[in-house]
Amino acid sequence: MSTAILHGTVSDDGGLGCEVRFEYGYTLAFGTTCSWKGGSYRTGDTFQETIQNLLGGYRVYFRANVRNSTGTTVGATLNFLTLAKNPVVLTRAV
């Protein structure tokens, strides 16, 4: 299993503090959504989320979400490949 740290930046807060989160998964449908964080992120603020238990040797798609009372904005979809793990071979005496 692999771990990754996703990073995002609030590009425009619309004049109000924002909550942030990420969506990620092995397809463009994502499948996993992190919890909303904060409420005080402003333009230029960065945020991150550590995601764990990723399968080795797979492409992971992700995007950031930012929201406040003026609405929700979804960032561009990005992706990365997790490192493939070497197989473990067990041998037994015959």
PDB file of N, CA and C in Angstrom:
ATOM      1  N   MET A   1       0.844  -1.186   0.000  1.00  0.00           N
ATOM      2  CA  MET A   1       0.000   0.000   0.000  1.00  0.00           C
ATOM      3  C   MET A   1       0.884   1.242   0.000  1.00  0.00           C
ATOM      4  N   SER A   2       0.413   2.270  -0.702  1.00  0.00           N
ATOM      5  CA  SER A   2       1.167   3.518  -0.838  1.00  0.00           C
ATOM      6  C   SER A   2       0.444   4.664  -0.140  1.00  0.00           C
ATOM      7  N   THR A   3       1.201   5.710   0.135  1.00  0.00           N
ATOM      8  CA  THR A   3       0.682   6.946   0.726  1.00  0.00           C
ATOM      9  C   THR A   3       1.059   8.103  -0.178  1.00  0.00           C
ATOM     10  N   ALA A   4       0.189   9.102  -0.288  1.00  0.00           N
ATOM     11  CA  ALA A   4       0.474  10.302  -1.073  1.00  0.00           C
ATOM     12  C   ALA A   4      -0.009  11.521  -0.305  1.00  0.00           C
ATOM     13  N   ILE A   5       0.619  12.653  -0.568  1.00  0.00           N
ATOM     14  CA  ILE A   5       0.184  13.920   0.013  1.00  0.00           C
ATOM     15  C   ILE A   5      -0.291  14.801  -1.133  1.00  0.00           C
ATOM     16  N   LEU A   6      -1.573  15.160  -1.102  1.00  0.00           N
ATOM     17  CA  LEU A   6      -2.165  16.025  -2.108  1.00  0.00           C
ATOM     18  C   LEU A   6      -2.050  17.470  -1.642  1.00  0.00           C
ATOM     19  N   HIS A   7      -1.752  18.381  -2.572  1.00  0.00           N
ATOM     20  CA  HIS A   7      -1.593  19.797  -2.244  1.00  0.00           C
ATOM     21  C   HIS A   7      -2.527  20.637  -3.099  1.00  0.00           C
ATOM     22  N   GLY A   8      -3.061  21.700  -2.525  1.00  0.00           N
ATOM     23  CA  GLY A   8      -3.910  22.629  -3.257  1.00  0.00           C
ATOM     24  C   GLY A   8      -3.672  24.053  -2.792  1.00  0.00           C
ATOM     25  N   THR A   9      -4.136  25.013  -3.594  1.00  0.00           N
ATOM     26  CA  THR A   9      -4.033  26.431  -3.264  1.00  0.00           C
ATOM     27  C   THR A   9      -5.356  27.103  -3.589  1.00  0.00           C
ATOM     28  N   VAL A  10      -5.858  27.919  -2.687  1.00  0.00           N
ATOM     29  CA  VAL A  10      -7.069  28.691  -2.939  1.00  0.00           C
ATOM     30  C   VAL A  10      -6.689  29.844  -3.871  1.00  0.00           C
ATOM     31  N   SER A  11      -7.276  29.871  -5.066  1.00  0.00           N
ATOM     32  CA  SER A  11      -6.905  30.914  -6.030  1.00  0.00           C
ATOM     33  C   SER A  11      -7.789  32.152  -5.937  1.00  0.00           C
ATOM     34  N   ASP A  12      -9.015  32.011  -5.433  1.00  0.00           N
ATOM     35  CA  ASP A  12      -9.904  33.173  -5.282  1.00  0.00           C
ATOM     36  C   ASP A  12     -10.966  32.824  -4.253  1.00  0.00           C
ATOM     37  N   ASP A  13     -10.936  33.504  -3.125  1.00  0.00           N
ATOM     38  CA  ASP A  13     -11.877  33.189  -2.047  1.00  0.00           C
ATOM     39  C   ASP A  13     -13.210  33.922  -2.178  1.00  0.00           C
ATOM     40  N   GLY A  14     -13.345  34.784  -3.175  1.00  0.00           N
ATOM     41  CA  GLY A  14     -14.593  35.531  -3.356  1.00  0.00           C
ATOM     42  C   GLY A  14     -14.870  36.505  -2.228  1.00  0.00           C
ATOM     43  N   GLY A  15     -13.844  36.831  -1.439  1.00  0.00           N
ATOM     44  CA  GLY A  15     -13.997  37.780  -0.342  1.00  0.00           C
ATOM     45  C   GLY A  15     -14.406  37.159   0.989  1.00  0.00           C
ATOM     46  N   LEU A  16     -14.508  35.820   1.025  1.00  0.00           N
ATOM     47  CA  LEU A  16     -14.919  35.142   2.250  1.00  0.00           C
ATOM     48  C   LEU A  16     -14.010  33.957   2.527  1.00  0.00           C
ATOM     49  N   GLY A  17     -13.915  33.554   3.784  1.00  0.00           N
ATOM     50  CA  GLY A  17     -13.145  32.369   4.139  1.00  0.00           C
ATOM     51  C   GLY A  17     -13.751  31.125   3.510  1.00  0.00           C
ATOM     52  N   CYS A  18     -12.909  30.139   3.246  1.00  0.00           N
ATOM     53  CA  CYS A  18     -13.339  28.934   2.537  1.00  0.00           C
ATOM     54  C   CYS A  18     -13.030  27.659   3.317  1.00  0.00           C
ATOM     55  N   GLU A  19     -13.807  26.618   3.012  1.00  0.00           N
ATOM     56  CA  GLU A  19     -13.507  25.253   3.425  1.00  0.00           C
ATOM     57  C   GLU A  19     -12.881  24.552   2.221  1.00  0.00           C
ATOM     58  N   VAL A  20     -12.067  23.533   2.492  1.00  0.00           N
ATOM     59  CA  VAL A  20     -11.357  22.841   1.416  1.00  0.00           C
ATOM     60  C   VAL A  20     -11.418  21.324   1.620  1.00  0.00           C
ATOM     61  N   ARG A  21     -11.285  20.583   0.514  1.00  0.00           N
ATOM     62  CA  ARG A  21     -11.206  19.129   0.572  1.00  0.00           C
ATOM     63  C   ARG A  21     -10.678  18.611  -0.762  1.00  0.00           C
ATOM     64  N   PHE A  22     -10.422  17.309  -0.825  1.00  0.00           N
ATOM     65  CA  PHE A  22     -10.020  16.642  -2.062  1.00  0.00           C
ATOM     66  C   PHE A  22     -10.963  15.487  -2.348  1.00  0.00           C
ATOM     67  N   GLU A  23     -11.087  15.176  -3.637  1.00  0.00           N
ATOM     68  CA  GLU A  23     -11.721  13.955  -4.109  1.00  0.00           C
ATOM     69  C   GLU A  23     -10.623  13.171  -4.808  1.00  0.00           C
ATOM     70  N   TYR A  24     -10.652  11.828  -4.695  1.00  0.00           N
ATOM     71  CA  TYR A  24      -9.640  11.036  -5.397  1.00  0.00           C
ATOM     72  C   TYR A  24     -10.153   9.624  -5.633  1.00  0.00           C
ATOM     73  N   GLY A  25      -9.501   8.934  -6.555  1.00  0.00           N
ATOM     74  CA  GLY A  25      -9.857   7.556  -6.845  1.00  0.00           C
ATOM     75  C   GLY A  25      -9.093   7.038  -8.051  1.00  0.00           C
ATOM     76  N   TYR A  26      -9.362   5.807  -8.418  1.00  0.00           N
ATOM     77  CA  TYR A  26      -8.645   5.134  -9.513  1.00  0.00           C
ATOM     78  C   TYR A  26      -9.289   5.369 -10.875  1.00  0.00           C
ATOM     79  N   THR A  27     -10.432   6.057 -10.923  1.00  0.00           N
ATOM     80  CA  THR A  27     -11.086   6.409 -12.183  1.00  0.00           C
ATOM     81  C   THR A  27     -11.469   7.889 -12.123  1.00  0.00           C
ATOM     82  N   LEU A  28     -11.934   8.420 -13.242  1.00  0.00           N
ATOM     83  CA  LEU A  28     -12.367   9.822 -13.271  1.00  0.00           C
ATOM     84  C   LEU A  28     -13.663  10.059 -12.494  1.00  0.00           C
ATOM     85  N   ALA A  29     -14.270   8.987 -12.007  1.00  0.00           N
ATOM     86  CA  ALA A  29     -15.437   9.118 -11.126  1.00  0.00           C
ATOM     87  C   ALA A  29     -14.995   9.355  -9.682  1.00  0.00           C
ATOM     88  N   PHE A  30     -13.688   9.327  -9.426  1.00  0.00           N
ATOM     89  CA  PHE A  30     -13.063   9.510  -8.115  1.00  0.00           C
ATOM     90  C   PHE A  30     -13.464   8.409  -7.144  1.00  0.00           C
ATOM     91  N   GLY A  31     -14.543   8.553  -6.409  1.00  0.00           N
ATOM     92  CA  GLY A  31     -14.986   7.490  -5.521  1.00  0.00           C
ATOM     93  C   GLY A  31     -14.745   7.753  -4.052  1.00  0.00           C
ATOM     94  N   THR A  32     -13.738   8.556  -3.716  1.00  0.00           N
ATOM     95  CA  THR A  32     -13.450   8.865  -2.314  1.00  0.00           C
ATOM     96  C   THR A  32     -13.403  10.378  -2.143  1.00  0.00           C
ATOM     97  N   THR A  33     -14.070  10.855  -1.111  1.00  0.00           N
ATOM     98  CA  THR A  33     -14.093  12.289  -0.818  1.00  0.00           C
ATOM     99  C   THR A  33     -13.602  12.505   0.608  1.00  0.00           C
ATOM    100  N   CYS A  34     -12.619  13.364   0.773  1.00  0.00           N
ATOM    101  CA  CYS A  34     -12.126  13.724   2.104  1.00  0.00           C
ATOM    102  C   CYS A  34     -13.132  14.668   2.772  1.00  0.00           C
ATOM    103  N   SER A  35     -13.051  14.788   4.067  1.00  0.00           N
ATOM    104  CA  SER A  35     -13.927  15.698   4.811  1.00  0.00           C
ATOM    105  C   SER A  35     -13.545  17.149   4.539  1.00  0.00           C
ATOM    106  N   TRP A  36     -14.540  18.025   4.602  1.00  0.00           N
ATOM    107  CA  TRP A  36     -14.267  19.458   4.495  1.00  0.00           C
ATOM    108  C   TRP A  36     -13.429  19.889   5.690  1.00  0.00           C
ATOM    109  N   LYS A  37     -12.466  20.795   5.436  1.00  0.00           N
ATOM    110  CA  LYS A  37     -11.587  21.317   6.492  1.00  0.00           C
ATOM    111  C   LYS A  37     -11.667  22.834   6.517  1.00  0.00           C
ATOM    112  N   GLY A  38     -11.515  23.358   7.694  1.00  0.00           N
ATOM    113  CA  GLY A  38     -11.333  24.793   7.847  1.00  0.00           C
ATOM    114  C   GLY A  38     -12.603  25.591   7.725  1.00  0.00           C
ATOM    115  N   GLY A  39     -12.475  26.733   7.136  1.00  0.00           N
ATOM    116  CA  GLY A  39     -13.541  27.714   7.018  1.00  0.00           C
ATOM    117  C   GLY A  39     -12.914  29.086   6.931  1.00  0.00           C
ATOM    118  N   SER A  40     -11.586  29.095   7.096  1.00  0.00           N
ATOM    119  CA  SER A  40     -10.876  30.372   7.092  1.00  0.00           C
ATOM    120  C   SER A  40      -9.756  30.430   6.049  1.00  0.00           C
ATOM    121  N   TYR A  41      -9.769  29.508   5.070  1.00  0.00           N
ATOM    122  CA  TYR A  41      -8.761  29.567   4.007  1.00  0.00           C
ATOM    123  C   TYR A  41      -9.068  30.749   3.103  1.00  0.00           C
ATOM    124  N   ARG A  42      -8.020  31.502   2.748  1.00  0.00           N
ATOM    125  CA  ARG A  42      -8.177  32.707   1.930  1.00  0.00           C
ATOM    126  C   ARG A  42      -7.343  32.580   0.659  1.00  0.00           C
ATOM    127  N   THR A  43      -7.542  33.497  -0.268  1.00  0.00           N
ATOM    128  CA  THR A  43      -6.784  33.503  -1.516  1.00  0.00           C
ATOM    129  C   THR A  43      -5.295  33.386  -1.229  1.00  0.00           C
ATOM    130  N   GLY A  44      -4.640  32.435  -1.905  1.00  0.00           N
ATOM    131  CA  GLY A  44      -3.208  32.215  -1.742  1.00  0.00           C
ATOM    132  C   GLY A  44      -2.849  31.180  -0.685  1.00  0.00           C
ATOM    133  N   ASP A  45      -3.799  30.824   0.177  1.00  0.00           N
ATOM    134  CA  ASP A  45      -3.524  29.811   1.201  1.00  0.00           C
ATOM    135  C   ASP A  45      -3.394  28.435   0.549  1.00  0.00           C
ATOM    136  N   THR A  46      -2.461  27.651   1.053  1.00  0.00           N
ATOM    137  CA  THR A  46      -2.282  26.288   0.578  1.00  0.00           C
ATOM    138  C   THR A  46      -2.857  25.317   1.600  1.00  0.00           C
ATOM    139  N   PHE A  47      -3.185  24.134   1.128  1.00  0.00           N
ATOM    140  CA  PHE A  47      -3.713  23.095   2.014  1.00  0.00           C
ATOM    141  C   PHE A  47      -3.259  21.746   1.491  1.00  0.00           C
ATOM    142  N   GLN A  48      -3.318  20.755   2.348  1.00  0.00           N
ATOM    143  CA  GLN A  48      -2.877  19.419   1.943  1.00  0.00           C
ATOM    144  C   GLN A  48      -3.670  18.350   2.667  1.00  0.00           C
ATOM    145  N   GLU A  49      -3.632  17.153   2.101  1.00  0.00           N
ATOM    146  CA  GLU A  49      -4.291  15.987   2.685  1.00  0.00           C
ATOM    147  C   GLU A  49      -3.422  14.772   2.411  1.00  0.00           C
ATOM    148  N   THR A  50      -3.163  13.987   3.437  1.00  0.00           N
ATOM    149  CA  THR A  50      -2.435  12.730   3.260  1.00  0.00           C
ATOM    150  C   THR A  50      -3.449  11.626   3.023  1.00  0.00           C
ATOM    151  N   ILE A  51      -3.283  10.907   1.910  1.00  0.00           N
ATOM    152  CA  ILE A  51      -4.175   9.780   1.629  1.00  0.00           C
ATOM    153  C   ILE A  51      -3.339   8.506   1.717  1.00  0.00           C
ATOM    154  N   GLN A  52      -3.927   7.494   2.294  1.00  0.00           N
ATOM    155  CA  GLN A  52      -3.196   6.259   2.595  1.00  0.00           C
ATOM    156  C   GLN A  52      -3.879   5.051   1.989  1.00  0.00           C
ATOM    157  N   ASN A  53      -3.182   3.932   2.060  1.00  0.00           N
ATOM    158  CA  ASN A  53      -3.699   2.640   1.605  1.00  0.00           C
ATOM    159  C   ASN A  53      -4.013   2.610   0.115  1.00  0.00           C
ATOM    160  N   LEU A  54      -3.196   3.322  -0.675  1.00  0.00           N
ATOM    161  CA  LEU A  54      -3.360   3.299  -2.124  1.00  0.00           C
ATOM    162  C   LEU A  54      -2.707   2.039  -2.685  1.00  0.00           C
ATOM    163  N   LEU A  55      -3.325   1.457  -3.675  1.00  0.00           N
ATOM    164  CA  LEU A  55      -2.767   0.275  -4.320  1.00  0.00           C
ATOM    165  C   LEU A  55      -1.532   0.645  -5.131  1.00  0.00           C
ATOM    166  N   GLY A  56      -0.502  -0.180  -5.083  1.00  0.00           N
ATOM    167  CA  GLY A  56       0.722   0.068  -5.841  1.00  0.00           C
ATOM    168  C   GLY A  56       0.533  -0.192  -7.324  1.00  0.00           C
ATOM    169  N   GLY A  57       1.162   0.640  -8.162  1.00  0.00           N
ATOM    170  CA  GLY A  57       1.117   0.456  -9.604  1.00  0.00           C
ATOM    171  C   GLY A  57      -0.168   0.933 -10.263  1.00  0.00           C
ATOM    172  N   TYR A  58      -0.891   1.844  -9.634  1.00  0.00           N
ATOM    173  CA  TYR A  58      -2.144   2.346 -10.184  1.00  0.00           C
ATOM    174  C   TYR A  58      -2.080   3.855 -10.392  1.00  0.00           C
ATOM    175  N   ARG A  59      -2.854   4.337 -11.366  1.00  0.00           N
ATOM    176  CA  ARG A  59      -3.028   5.775 -11.573  1.00  0.00           C
ATOM    177  C   ARG A  59      -4.122   6.246 -10.619  1.00  0.00           C
ATOM    178  N   VAL A  60      -3.858   7.352  -9.920  1.00  0.00           N
ATOM    179  CA  VAL A  60      -4.826   7.933  -8.994  1.00  0.00           C
ATOM    180  C   VAL A  60      -5.197   9.320  -9.519  1.00  0.00           C
ATOM    181  N   TYR A  61      -6.491   9.565  -9.672  1.00  0.00           N
ATOM    182  CA  TYR A  61      -7.003  10.859 -10.113  1.00  0.00           C
ATOM    183  C   TYR A  61      -7.454  11.635  -8.884  1.00  0.00           C
ATOM    184  N   PHE A  62      -7.234  12.958  -8.900  1.00  0.00           N
ATOM    185  CA  PHE A  62      -7.661  13.762  -7.762  1.00  0.00           C
ATOM    186  C   PHE A  62      -7.966  15.177  -8.204  1.00  0.00           C
ATOM    187  N   ARG A  63      -8.745  15.885  -7.385  1.00  0.00           N
ATOM    188  CA  ARG A  63      -9.018  17.302  -7.595  1.00  0.00           C
ATOM    189  C   ARG A  63      -9.392  17.936  -6.270  1.00  0.00           C
ATOM    190  N   ALA A  64      -9.129  19.223  -6.165  1.00  0.00           N
ATOM    191  CA  ALA A  64      -9.455  19.985  -4.965  1.00  0.00           C
ATOM    192  C   ALA A  64     -10.837  20.603  -5.110  1.00  0.00           C
ATOM    193  N   ASN A  65     -11.513  20.766  -3.991  1.00  0.00           N
ATOM    194  CA  ASN A  65     -12.802  21.462  -3.927  1.00  0.00           C
ATOM    195  C   ASN A  65     -12.655  22.579  -2.904  1.00  0.00           C
ATOM    196  N   VAL A  66     -13.219  23.744  -3.204  1.00  0.00           N
ATOM    197  CA  VAL A  66     -13.214  24.881  -2.280  1.00  0.00           C
ATOM    198  C   VAL A  66     -14.633  25.428  -2.228  1.00  0.00           C
ATOM    199  N   ARG A  67     -15.114  25.728  -1.027  1.00  0.00           N
ATOM    200  CA  ARG A  67     -16.474  26.274  -0.923  1.00  0.00           C
ATOM    201  C   ARG A  67     -16.562  27.328   0.172  1.00  0.00           C
ATOM    202  N   ASN A  68     -17.525  28.218  -0.014  1.00  0.00           N
ATOM    203  CA  ASN A  68     -17.968  29.161   1.006  1.00  0.00           C
ATOM    204  C   ASN A  68     -19.409  29.520   0.667  1.00  0.00           C
ATOM    205  N   SER A  69     -19.959  30.527   1.299  1.00  0.00           N
ATOM    206  CA  SER A  69     -21.374  30.835   1.096  1.00  0.00           C
ATOM    207  C   SER A  69     -21.683  31.340  -0.316  1.00  0.00           C
ATOM    208  N   THR A  70     -20.660  31.695  -1.096  1.00  0.00           N
ATOM    209  CA  THR A  70     -20.912  32.139  -2.474  1.00  0.00           C
ATOM    210  C   THR A  70     -20.949  30.971  -3.456  1.00  0.00           C
ATOM    211  N   GLY A  71     -20.543  29.767  -3.013  1.00  0.00           N
ATOM    212  CA  GLY A  71     -20.608  28.607  -3.889  1.00  0.00           C
ATOM    213  C   GLY A  71     -19.436  27.660  -3.698  1.00  0.00           C
ATOM    214  N   THR A  72     -19.397  26.638  -4.544  1.00  0.00           N
ATOM    215  CA  THR A  72     -18.345  25.621  -4.515  1.00  0.00           C
ATOM    216  C   THR A  72     -17.616  25.625  -5.849  1.00  0.00           C
ATOM    217  N   THR A  73     -16.300  25.564  -5.808  1.00  0.00           N
ATOM    218  CA  THR A  73     -15.478  25.500  -7.016  1.00  0.00           C
ATOM    219  C   THR A  73     -14.686  24.206  -6.992  1.00  0.00           C
ATOM    220  N   VAL A  74     -14.635  23.545  -8.145  1.00  0.00           N
ATOM    221  CA  VAL A  74     -13.910  22.290  -8.300  1.00  0.00           C
ATOM    222  C   VAL A  74     -12.675  22.570  -9.145  1.00  0.00           C
ATOM    223  N   GLY A  75     -11.515  22.149  -8.653  1.00  0.00           N
ATOM    224  CA  GLY A  75     -10.264  22.368  -9.368  1.00  0.00           C
ATOM    225  C   GLY A  75     -10.083  21.402 -10.525  1.00  0.00           C
ATOM    226  N   ALA A  76      -9.011  21.589 -11.253  1.00  0.00           N
ATOM    227  CA  ALA A  76      -8.667  20.724 -12.381  1.00  0.00           C
ATOM    228  C   ALA A  76      -8.372  19.312 -11.890  1.00  0.00           C
ATOM    229  N   THR A  77      -8.705  18.336 -12.710  1.00  0.00           N
ATOM    230  CA  THR A  77      -8.389  16.941 -12.390  1.00  0.00           C
ATOM    231  C   THR A  77      -6.938  16.668 -12.745  1.00  0.00           C
ATOM    232  N   LEU A  78      -6.188  16.177 -11.774  1.00  0.00           N
ATOM    233  CA  LEU A  78      -4.787  15.808 -11.953  1.00  0.00           C
ATOM    234  C   LEU A  78      -4.644  14.331 -11.641  1.00  0.00           C
ATOM    235  N   ASN A  79      -3.472  13.765 -11.919  1.00  0.00           N
ATOM    236  CA  ASN A  79      -3.266  12.352 -11.611  1.00  0.00           C
ATOM    237  C   ASN A  79      -1.802  12.060 -11.366  1.00  0.00           C
ATOM    238  N   PHE A  80      -1.553  10.917 -10.750  1.00  0.00           N
ATOM    239  CA  PHE A  80      -0.198  10.428 -10.513  1.00  0.00           C
ATOM    240  C   PHE A  80      -0.243   8.913 -10.484  1.00  0.00           C
ATOM    241  N   LEU A  81       0.921   8.297 -10.624  1.00  0.00           N
ATOM    242  CA  LEU A  81       1.035   6.844 -10.540  1.00  0.00           C
ATOM    243  C   LEU A  81       1.644   6.465  -9.201  1.00  0.00           C
ATOM    244  N   THR A  82       1.052   5.492  -8.534  1.00  0.00           N
ATOM    245  CA  THR A  82       1.657   4.987  -7.302  1.00  0.00           C
ATOM    246  C   THR A  82       2.786   4.030  -7.682  1.00  0.00           C
ATOM    247  N   LEU A  83       3.733   3.900  -6.820  1.00  0.00           N
ATOM    248  CA  LEU A  83       4.857   3.008  -7.079  1.00  0.00           C
ATOM    249  C   LEU A  83       4.398   1.562  -7.040  1.00  0.00           C
ATOM    250  N   ALA A  84       4.864   0.805  -8.020  1.00  0.00           N
ATOM    251  CA  ALA A  84       4.556  -0.629  -8.026  1.00  0.00           C
ATOM    252  C   ALA A  84       5.393  -1.306  -6.955  1.00  0.00           C
ATOM    253  N   LYS A  85       4.810  -2.230  -6.288  1.00  0.00           N
ATOM    254  CA  LYS A  85       5.527  -2.981  -5.255  1.00  0.00           C
ATOM    255  C   LYS A  85       6.077  -4.254  -5.869  1.00  0.00           C
ATOM    256  N   ASN A  86       7.255  -4.652  -5.453  1.00  0.00           N
ATOM    257  CA  ASN A  86       7.803  -5.907  -5.902  1.00  0.00           C
ATOM    258  C   ASN A  86       7.003  -7.049  -5.281  1.00  0.00           C
ATOM    259  N   PRO A  87       6.708  -8.079  -6.062  1.00  0.00           N
ATOM    260  CA  PRO A  87       5.952  -9.192  -5.484  1.00  0.00           C
ATOM    261  C   PRO A  87       6.800  -9.960  -4.468  1.00  0.00           C
ATOM    262  N   VAL A  88       6.139 -10.526  -3.518  1.00  0.00           N
ATOM    263  CA  VAL A  88       6.811 -11.378  -2.529  1.00  0.00           C
ATOM    264  C   VAL A  88       6.582 -12.818  -2.948  1.00  0.00           C
ATOM    265  N   VAL A  89       7.667 -13.576  -3.046  1.00  0.00           N
ATOM    266  CA  VAL A  89       7.569 -14.961  -3.450  1.00  0.00           C
ATOM    267  C   VAL A  89       7.963 -15.827  -2.272  1.00  0.00           C
ATOM    268  N   LEU A  90       7.100 -16.726  -1.899  1.00  0.00           N
ATOM    269  CA  LEU A  90       7.394 -17.665  -0.823  1.00  0.00           C
ATOM    270  C   LEU A  90       7.669 -19.030  -1.451  1.00  0.00           C
ATOM    271  N   THR A  91       8.721 -19.639  -1.018  1.00  0.00           N
ATOM    272  CA  THR A  91       9.020 -20.993  -1.509  1.00  0.00           C
ATOM    273  C   THR A  91       8.917 -21.965  -0.354  1.00  0.00           C
ATOM    274  N   ARG A  92       8.575 -23.181  -0.668  1.00  0.00           N
ATOM    275  CA  ARG A  92       8.451 -24.215   0.358  1.00  0.00           C
ATOM    276  C   ARG A  92       9.252 -25.419  -0.087  1.00  0.00           C
ATOM    277  N   ALA A  93       9.738 -26.135   0.872  1.00  0.00           N
ATOM    278  CA  ALA A  93      10.479 -27.363   0.569  1.00  0.00           C
ATOM    279  C   ALA A  93       9.535 -28.397  -0.047  1.00  0.00           C
ATOM    280  N   VAL A  94      10.054 -29.166  -1.008  1.00  0.00           N
ATOM    281  CA  VAL A  94       9.219 -30.199  -1.631  1.00  0.00           C
ATOM    282  C   VAL A  94       9.594 -31.574  -1.123  1.00  0.00           C
TER     283      VAL A  94
END
